[in-house]
Amino acid sequence: MKAFHAYDIRGIYNSDFNKNDVYRIGYFLPVLLKVSKILVGRDVRLSSPEVFEYLCKGILDSGADVYDIGLSTTPMVYFATAKLAFEASVMITASHNDKEYNGLKVSA
């Protein structure tokens, strides 16, 4: 999968990765990070609601809890992760990339 990079998962949504990939990432993330709750935020990209839906389905199906921070910026998610003492968070965004891109920034 071309979407995996050194610091995030990012690519053209439905080309480099899709909802099934996002579900699997969500499902295995709590196990890999050894956490039982994950804070999730998202940007305003058109694909972000679907990415959010499948990421959360995966997380919940694994037995972990999702805490939805809603529409947010990456710095807001990073701040809330530290301030609220979350052991893990995911920001759904492709940062500066074009609108057809999306991705996941995982913090632990």
N, C-alpha and C. Protein backbone atom coordinates (compact mmCIF):
# COMPACT_ATOMS: atom_id res chain seq x y z
N MET A 1 0.85 -1.17 0.00
CA MET A 1 0.00 0.00 0.00
C MET A 1 0.90 1.24 0.00
N LYS A 2 0.69 2.12 -0.95
CA LYS A 2 1.53 3.30 -1.11
C LYS A 2 1.27 4.38 -0.05
N ALA A 3 0.26 4.22 0.75
CA ALA A 3 -0.11 5.27 1.69
C ALA A 3 0.75 5.31 2.96
N PHE A 4 1.50 4.25 3.25
CA PHE A 4 2.30 4.22 4.47
C PHE A 4 3.62 4.96 4.27
N HIS A 5 3.85 5.94 5.14
CA HIS A 5 5.08 6.75 5.11
C HIS A 5 5.74 6.68 6.48
N ALA A 6 6.86 7.33 6.62
CA ALA A 6 7.62 7.27 7.88
C ALA A 6 6.85 7.85 9.06
N TYR A 7 6.08 8.91 8.85
CA TYR A 7 5.45 9.62 9.96
C TYR A 7 3.93 9.63 9.93
N ASP A 8 3.34 9.09 8.88
CA ASP A 8 1.88 9.06 8.80
C ASP A 8 1.43 8.08 7.73
N ILE A 9 0.13 7.96 7.59
CA ILE A 9 -0.48 7.18 6.53
C ILE A 9 -1.22 8.20 5.68
N ARG A 10 -0.81 8.35 4.43
CA ARG A 10 -1.37 9.43 3.62
C ARG A 10 -1.28 9.06 2.14
N GLY A 11 -2.33 9.40 1.40
CA GLY A 11 -2.34 9.15 -0.03
C GLY A 11 -3.65 9.56 -0.63
N ILE A 12 -3.83 9.22 -1.89
CA ILE A 12 -5.09 9.53 -2.57
C ILE A 12 -6.12 8.52 -2.08
N TYR A 13 -7.18 9.05 -1.49
CA TYR A 13 -8.20 8.18 -0.92
C TYR A 13 -8.95 7.46 -2.04
N ASN A 14 -9.19 6.19 -1.85
CA ASN A 14 -9.81 5.26 -2.80
C ASN A 14 -8.90 4.91 -3.96
N SER A 15 -7.64 5.27 -3.86
CA SER A 15 -6.64 4.84 -4.82
C SER A 15 -5.48 4.18 -4.09
N ASP A 16 -4.83 4.96 -3.21
CA ASP A 16 -3.71 4.44 -2.42
C ASP A 16 -4.17 3.66 -1.19
N PHE A 17 -5.34 3.99 -0.68
CA PHE A 17 -5.96 3.28 0.44
C PHE A 17 -7.45 3.56 0.40
N ASN A 18 -8.25 2.72 1.08
CA ASN A 18 -9.70 2.87 1.03
C ASN A 18 -10.31 2.56 2.40
N LYS A 19 -11.64 2.53 2.45
CA LYS A 19 -12.34 2.33 3.73
C LYS A 19 -12.01 0.99 4.37
N ASN A 20 -11.78 -0.05 3.57
CA ASN A 20 -11.42 -1.35 4.13
C ASN A 20 -10.05 -1.30 4.80
N ASP A 21 -9.12 -0.59 4.19
CA ASP A 21 -7.79 -0.42 4.80
C ASP A 21 -7.91 0.37 6.10
N VAL A 22 -8.73 1.42 6.08
CA VAL A 22 -8.91 2.25 7.28
C VAL A 22 -9.54 1.43 8.40
N TYR A 23 -10.53 0.59 8.07
CA TYR A 23 -11.14 -0.28 9.08
C TYR A 23 -10.08 -1.17 9.72
N ARG A 24 -9.26 -1.80 8.90
CA ARG A 24 -8.22 -2.71 9.43
C ARG A 24 -7.21 -1.95 10.29
N ILE A 25 -6.85 -0.75 9.88
CA ILE A 25 -5.93 0.07 10.68
C ILE A 25 -6.58 0.34 12.04
N GLY A 26 -7.85 0.75 12.03
CA GLY A 26 -8.56 1.01 13.28
C GLY A 26 -8.66 -0.22 14.15
N TYR A 27 -8.89 -1.35 13.54
CA TYR A 27 -9.05 -2.59 14.31
C TYR A 27 -7.76 -2.99 15.02
N PHE A 28 -6.64 -2.86 14.35
CA PHE A 28 -5.38 -3.31 14.93
C PHE A 28 -4.63 -2.24 15.73
N LEU A 29 -5.02 -0.99 15.58
CA LEU A 29 -4.33 0.10 16.29
C LEU A 29 -4.34 -0.06 17.80
N PRO A 30 -5.47 -0.34 18.44
CA PRO A 30 -5.45 -0.50 19.90
C PRO A 30 -4.53 -1.62 20.38
N VAL A 31 -4.48 -2.69 19.64
CA VAL A 31 -3.60 -3.81 20.01
C VAL A 31 -2.13 -3.41 19.84
N LEU A 32 -1.82 -2.81 18.71
CA LEU A 32 -0.44 -2.40 18.45
C LEU A 32 0.06 -1.37 19.47
N LEU A 33 -0.82 -0.44 19.84
CA LEU A 33 -0.43 0.63 20.77
C LEU A 33 -0.69 0.26 22.23
N LYS A 34 -1.37 -0.87 22.46
CA LYS A 34 -1.70 -1.33 23.81
C LYS A 34 -2.50 -0.27 24.58
N VAL A 35 -3.60 0.19 23.94
CA VAL A 35 -4.47 1.19 24.54
C VAL A 35 -5.92 0.72 24.47
N SER A 36 -6.75 1.28 25.34
CA SER A 36 -8.17 0.92 25.34
C SER A 36 -9.07 2.07 24.94
N LYS A 37 -8.48 3.24 24.68
CA LYS A 37 -9.27 4.38 24.21
C LYS A 37 -8.40 5.24 23.30
N ILE A 38 -9.04 5.78 22.26
CA ILE A 38 -8.32 6.58 21.27
C ILE A 38 -9.13 7.83 20.96
N LEU A 39 -8.47 8.97 21.01
CA LEU A 39 -9.06 10.25 20.64
C LEU A 39 -8.94 10.40 19.13
N VAL A 40 -10.03 10.80 18.46
CA VAL A 40 -10.01 10.93 17.00
C VAL A 40 -10.56 12.30 16.59
N GLY A 41 -9.81 12.99 15.73
CA GLY A 41 -10.24 14.25 15.15
C GLY A 41 -10.16 14.15 13.64
N ARG A 42 -10.79 15.10 12.95
CA ARG A 42 -10.79 15.07 11.48
C ARG A 42 -10.87 16.48 10.91
N ASP A 43 -10.37 16.61 9.68
CA ASP A 43 -10.45 17.90 9.00
C ASP A 43 -11.69 17.93 8.11
N VAL A 44 -11.80 18.94 7.26
CA VAL A 44 -13.02 19.16 6.48
C VAL A 44 -12.99 18.54 5.08
N ARG A 45 -12.03 17.71 4.80
CA ARG A 45 -12.00 17.07 3.48
C ARG A 45 -13.27 16.26 3.24
N LEU A 46 -13.68 16.16 1.99
CA LEU A 46 -14.91 15.43 1.67
C LEU A 46 -14.86 13.97 2.07
N SER A 47 -13.68 13.36 2.06
CA SER A 47 -13.57 11.95 2.42
C SER A 47 -13.42 11.72 3.92
N SER A 48 -13.21 12.78 4.70
CA SER A 48 -12.98 12.61 6.14
C SER A 48 -14.13 11.93 6.89
N PRO A 49 -15.41 12.23 6.57
CA PRO A 49 -16.48 11.52 7.29
C PRO A 49 -16.43 10.00 7.07
N GLU A 50 -16.15 9.55 5.85
CA GLU A 50 -16.07 8.12 5.60
C GLU A 50 -14.85 7.51 6.28
N VAL A 51 -13.72 8.18 6.22
CA VAL A 51 -12.52 7.69 6.90
C VAL A 51 -12.81 7.59 8.40
N PHE A 52 -13.43 8.61 8.96
CA PHE A 52 -13.79 8.61 10.38
C PHE A 52 -14.69 7.42 10.71
N GLU A 53 -15.72 7.21 9.90
CA GLU A 53 -16.67 6.12 10.15
C GLU A 53 -15.97 4.76 10.20
N TYR A 54 -15.13 4.48 9.22
CA TYR A 54 -14.50 3.16 9.16
C TYR A 54 -13.36 3.01 10.15
N LEU A 55 -12.65 4.08 10.44
CA LEU A 55 -11.64 4.03 11.49
C LEU A 55 -12.29 3.71 12.82
N CYS A 56 -13.38 4.40 13.14
CA CYS A 56 -14.07 4.18 14.41
C CYS A 56 -14.70 2.80 14.50
N LYS A 57 -15.28 2.31 13.38
CA LYS A 57 -15.81 0.94 13.38
C LYS A 57 -14.72 -0.06 13.73
N GLY A 58 -13.56 0.11 13.15
CA GLY A 58 -12.45 -0.79 13.44
C GLY A 58 -12.02 -0.72 14.89
N ILE A 59 -11.87 0.50 15.40
CA ILE A 59 -11.46 0.68 16.80
C ILE A 59 -12.48 0.05 17.74
N LEU A 60 -13.75 0.34 17.51
CA LEU A 60 -14.81 -0.19 18.37
C LEU A 60 -14.92 -1.72 18.27
N ASP A 61 -14.81 -2.26 17.07
CA ASP A 61 -14.88 -3.71 16.90
C ASP A 61 -13.72 -4.43 17.58
N SER A 62 -12.62 -3.72 17.80
CA SER A 62 -11.49 -4.33 18.51
C SER A 62 -11.71 -4.34 20.02
N GLY A 63 -12.74 -3.63 20.48
CA GLY A 63 -13.04 -3.57 21.91
C GLY A 63 -12.58 -2.31 22.59
N ALA A 64 -11.97 -1.40 21.86
CA ALA A 64 -11.51 -0.13 22.43
C ALA A 64 -12.60 0.94 22.27
N ASP A 65 -12.42 2.05 22.96
CA ASP A 65 -13.36 3.17 22.90
C ASP A 65 -12.81 4.29 22.04
N VAL A 66 -13.73 4.99 21.37
CA VAL A 66 -13.40 6.16 20.55
C VAL A 66 -13.92 7.40 21.26
N TYR A 67 -13.08 8.42 21.34
CA TYR A 67 -13.48 9.73 21.85
C TYR A 67 -13.37 10.69 20.68
N ASP A 68 -14.51 11.20 20.22
CA ASP A 68 -14.60 12.04 19.02
C ASP A 68 -14.42 13.50 19.39
N ILE A 69 -13.33 14.10 18.92
CA ILE A 69 -13.11 15.53 19.16
C ILE A 69 -13.77 16.37 18.06
N GLY A 70 -14.26 15.71 17.00
CA GLY A 70 -14.96 16.40 15.92
C GLY A 70 -14.01 17.07 14.94
N LEU A 71 -14.53 18.08 14.24
CA LEU A 71 -13.70 18.83 13.31
C LEU A 71 -12.64 19.58 14.09
N SER A 72 -11.40 19.42 13.67
CA SER A 72 -10.30 20.01 14.44
C SER A 72 -9.06 20.15 13.57
N THR A 73 -8.09 20.79 14.13
CA THR A 73 -6.78 20.89 13.49
C THR A 73 -5.85 19.88 14.15
N THR A 74 -4.75 19.60 13.48
CA THR A 74 -3.77 18.68 14.06
C THR A 74 -3.24 19.19 15.40
N PRO A 75 -2.87 20.48 15.52
CA PRO A 75 -2.42 20.96 16.82
C PRO A 75 -3.48 20.80 17.93
N MET A 76 -4.76 20.95 17.58
CA MET A 76 -5.81 20.76 18.59
C MET A 76 -5.84 19.33 19.09
N VAL A 77 -5.69 18.37 18.19
CA VAL A 77 -5.68 16.95 18.59
C VAL A 77 -4.45 16.66 19.43
N TYR A 78 -3.30 17.17 19.02
CA TYR A 78 -2.08 16.96 19.81
C TYR A 78 -2.24 17.56 21.22
N PHE A 79 -2.79 18.76 21.30
CA PHE A 79 -2.99 19.41 22.60
C PHE A 79 -3.94 18.59 23.47
N ALA A 80 -5.09 18.20 22.89
CA ALA A 80 -6.08 17.43 23.67
C ALA A 80 -5.52 16.08 24.10
N THR A 81 -4.70 15.46 23.26
CA THR A 81 -4.09 14.18 23.62
C THR A 81 -3.27 14.33 24.88
N ALA A 82 -2.46 15.39 24.94
CA ALA A 82 -1.60 15.61 26.11
C ALA A 82 -2.41 16.12 27.31
N LYS A 83 -3.24 17.12 27.09
CA LYS A 83 -3.99 17.75 28.17
C LYS A 83 -4.96 16.79 28.86
N LEU A 84 -5.59 15.93 28.06
CA LEU A 84 -6.58 15.00 28.61
C LEU A 84 -5.99 13.63 28.91
N ALA A 85 -4.67 13.51 28.77
CA ALA A 85 -3.92 12.30 29.11
C ALA A 85 -4.36 11.06 28.33
N PHE A 86 -4.63 11.25 27.03
CA PHE A 86 -4.90 10.10 26.17
C PHE A 86 -3.57 9.44 25.84
N GLU A 87 -3.57 8.13 25.81
CA GLU A 87 -2.36 7.40 25.43
C GLU A 87 -2.22 7.30 23.92
N ALA A 88 -3.29 7.59 23.17
CA ALA A 88 -3.24 7.52 21.71
C ALA A 88 -4.29 8.42 21.09
N SER A 89 -3.98 8.91 19.90
CA SER A 89 -4.94 9.70 19.13
C SER A 89 -4.66 9.52 17.65
N VAL A 90 -5.68 9.85 16.86
CA VAL A 90 -5.54 9.82 15.40
C VAL A 90 -6.17 11.10 14.86
N MET A 91 -5.44 11.80 14.02
CA MET A 91 -5.96 12.95 13.30
C MET A 91 -6.13 12.54 11.85
N ILE A 92 -7.35 12.68 11.34
CA ILE A 92 -7.65 12.36 9.95
C ILE A 92 -7.42 13.61 9.12
N THR A 93 -6.35 13.60 8.34
CA THR A 93 -5.99 14.75 7.52
C THR A 93 -4.89 14.36 6.54
N ALA A 94 -4.76 15.12 5.49
CA ALA A 94 -3.62 14.98 4.58
C ALA A 94 -2.83 16.28 4.56
N SER A 95 -3.02 17.07 5.60
CA SER A 95 -2.29 18.33 5.78
C SER A 95 -2.38 19.23 4.55
N HIS A 96 -1.26 19.49 3.95
CA HIS A 96 -1.15 20.44 2.85
C HIS A 96 -1.43 19.83 1.48
N ASN A 97 -1.68 18.54 1.41
CA ASN A 97 -1.90 17.88 0.12
C ASN A 97 -3.23 18.27 -0.50
N ASP A 98 -3.37 18.00 -1.79
CA ASP A 98 -4.58 18.34 -2.52
C ASP A 98 -5.81 17.62 -1.98
N LYS A 99 -6.98 18.09 -2.38
CA LYS A 99 -8.24 17.63 -1.80
C LYS A 99 -8.54 16.15 -1.97
N GLU A 100 -7.97 15.49 -3.00
CA GLU A 100 -8.24 14.07 -3.18
C GLU A 100 -7.44 13.18 -2.23
N TYR A 101 -6.51 13.77 -1.53
CA TYR A 101 -5.70 13.06 -0.54
C TYR A 101 -6.41 13.02 0.81
N ASN A 102 -6.05 12.06 1.62
CA ASN A 102 -6.42 12.04 3.03
C ASN A 102 -5.42 11.15 3.74
N GLY A 103 -5.53 11.10 5.06
CA GLY A 103 -4.57 10.28 5.78
C GLY A 103 -4.86 10.24 7.26
N LEU A 104 -3.95 9.56 7.96
CA LEU A 104 -4.07 9.37 9.40
C LEU A 104 -2.74 9.73 10.06
N LYS A 105 -2.79 10.63 11.02
CA LYS A 105 -1.62 10.94 11.83
C LYS A 105 -1.86 10.31 13.19
N VAL A 106 -1.09 9.29 13.50
CA VAL A 106 -1.26 8.54 14.74
C VAL A 106 -0.26 9.04 15.77
N SER A 107 -0.75 9.29 16.97
CA SER A 107 0.12 9.70 18.09
C SER A 107 -0.06 8.74 19.24
N ALA A 108 1.06 8.39 19.84
CA ALA A 108 0.99 7.50 21.01
C ALA A 108 2.04 7.90 22.01
